[in-house]
Amino acid sequence: MVRVKLSEEERAIVKEVMDELGISGGRVKMLVEAVGVRTGFDKRRMRVAVKRALVGGEPIVKKK
């Protein structure tokens, strides 16, 4: 992924979406920024797209 130059409003939206979903980290931030550009920084659409993108990630609690 390529870093995208964002305005202050767009950065605030990215931070807000990450806080709402309880996620952090540089890789995830780049993902949220890319999703934001693709969705026109619509918070609702961003949340859905980020959740879908992260579903395939590693589980937080490993099953025994």
C-alpha atoms as a PDB file:
ATOM      1  CA  MET A   1       0.000   0.000   0.000  1.00  0.00           C
ATOM      2  CA  VAL A   2       1.107   3.534  -0.673  1.00  0.00           C
ATOM      3  CA  ARG A   3       0.805   6.334   1.874  1.00  0.00           C
ATOM      4  CA  VAL A   4      -1.700   8.950   0.782  1.00  0.00           C
ATOM      5  CA  LYS A   5      -1.462  12.654   1.655  1.00  0.00           C
ATOM      6  CA  LEU A   6      -4.534  13.481   3.743  1.00  0.00           C
ATOM      7  CA  SER A   7      -6.050  16.747   4.892  1.00  0.00           C
ATOM      8  CA  GLU A   8      -6.604  17.481   8.584  1.00  0.00           C
ATOM      9  CA  GLU A   9     -10.312  16.588   8.329  1.00  0.00           C
ATOM     10  CA  GLU A  10      -9.507  13.276   6.655  1.00  0.00           C
ATOM     11  CA  ARG A  11      -6.901  12.449   9.325  1.00  0.00           C
ATOM     12  CA  ALA A  12      -9.488  13.178  12.023  1.00  0.00           C
ATOM     13  CA  ILE A  13     -11.987  10.846  10.343  1.00  0.00           C
ATOM     14  CA  VAL A  14      -9.361   8.075  10.093  1.00  0.00           C
ATOM     15  CA  LYS A  15      -8.525   8.457  13.792  1.00  0.00           C
ATOM     16  CA  GLU A  16     -12.204   8.486  14.756  1.00  0.00           C
ATOM     17  CA  VAL A  17     -12.974   5.312  12.782  1.00  0.00           C
ATOM     18  CA  MET A  18      -9.956   3.542  14.306  1.00  0.00           C
ATOM     19  CA  ASP A  19     -11.042   4.572  17.816  1.00  0.00           C
ATOM     20  CA  GLU A  20     -14.632   3.431  17.210  1.00  0.00           C
ATOM     21  CA  LEU A  21     -13.449   0.019  16.031  1.00  0.00           C
ATOM     22  CA  GLY A  22     -10.827  -0.239  18.784  1.00  0.00           C
ATOM     23  CA  ILE A  23      -7.944  -0.884  16.410  1.00  0.00           C
ATOM     24  CA  SER A  24      -4.448   0.561  16.271  1.00  0.00           C
ATOM     25  CA  GLY A  25      -1.159   0.158  14.450  1.00  0.00           C
ATOM     26  CA  GLY A  26       0.569   1.517  11.388  1.00  0.00           C
ATOM     27  CA  ARG A  27      -0.470  -1.227   8.989  1.00  0.00           C
ATOM     28  CA  VAL A  28      -4.105  -0.884  10.009  1.00  0.00           C
ATOM     29  CA  LYS A  29      -3.904   2.906   9.749  1.00  0.00           C
ATOM     30  CA  MET A  30      -2.669   2.613   6.164  1.00  0.00           C
ATOM     31  CA  LEU A  31      -5.564   0.253   5.435  1.00  0.00           C
ATOM     32  CA  VAL A  32      -8.104   2.672   6.938  1.00  0.00           C
ATOM     33  CA  GLU A  33      -6.608   5.567   4.948  1.00  0.00           C
ATOM     34  CA  ALA A  34      -6.813   3.585   1.701  1.00  0.00           C
ATOM     35  CA  VAL A  35     -10.405   2.563   2.440  1.00  0.00           C
ATOM     36  CA  GLY A  36     -11.216   6.198   3.225  1.00  0.00           C
ATOM     37  CA  VAL A  37      -9.920   7.363  -0.134  1.00  0.00           C
ATOM     38  CA  ARG A  38     -11.920   4.645  -1.879  1.00  0.00           C
ATOM     39  CA  THR A  39     -15.159   5.420  -0.002  1.00  0.00           C
ATOM     40  CA  GLY A  40     -14.882   9.202  -0.046  1.00  0.00           C
ATOM     41  CA  PHE A  41     -14.323   9.276   3.747  1.00  0.00           C
ATOM     42  CA  ASP A  42     -17.906   8.255   4.509  1.00  0.00           C
ATOM     43  CA  LYS A  43     -17.578   6.976   8.100  1.00  0.00           C
ATOM     44  CA  ARG A  44     -20.324   4.397   7.802  1.00  0.00           C
ATOM     45  CA  ARG A  45     -18.985   2.850   4.608  1.00  0.00           C
ATOM     46  CA  MET A  46     -15.434   2.992   5.986  1.00  0.00           C
ATOM     47  CA  ARG A  47     -16.380   1.018   9.116  1.00  0.00           C
ATOM     48  CA  VAL A  48     -18.032  -1.722   7.066  1.00  0.00           C
ATOM     49  CA  ALA A  49     -15.145  -1.950   4.583  1.00  0.00           C
ATOM     50  CA  VAL A  50     -12.481  -2.037   7.317  1.00  0.00           C
ATOM     51  CA  LYS A  51     -14.365  -4.728   9.239  1.00  0.00           C
ATOM     52  CA  ARG A  52     -14.610  -6.829   6.081  1.00  0.00           C
ATOM     53  CA  ALA A  53     -10.916  -6.344   5.343  1.00  0.00           C
ATOM     54  CA  LEU A  54      -9.899  -7.387   8.859  1.00  0.00           C
ATOM     55  CA  VAL A  55     -12.141 -10.463   9.111  1.00  0.00           C
ATOM     56  CA  GLY A  56      -9.480 -12.628   7.482  1.00  0.00           C
ATOM     57  CA  GLY A  57      -6.848 -11.553  10.025  1.00  0.00           C
ATOM     58  CA  GLU A  58      -5.487 -13.622  12.877  1.00  0.00           C
ATOM     59  CA  PRO A  59      -7.899 -14.309  15.729  1.00  0.00           C
ATOM     60  CA  ILE A  60      -7.296 -12.398  18.950  1.00  0.00           C
ATOM     61  CA  VAL A  61      -7.874 -15.477  21.122  1.00  0.00           C
ATOM     62  CA  LYS A  62      -6.404 -18.697  19.822  1.00  0.00           C
ATOM     63  CA  LYS A  63      -8.608 -21.766  20.131  1.00  0.00           C
ATOM     64  CA  LYS A  64      -7.135 -24.771  21.922  1.00  0.00           C
END
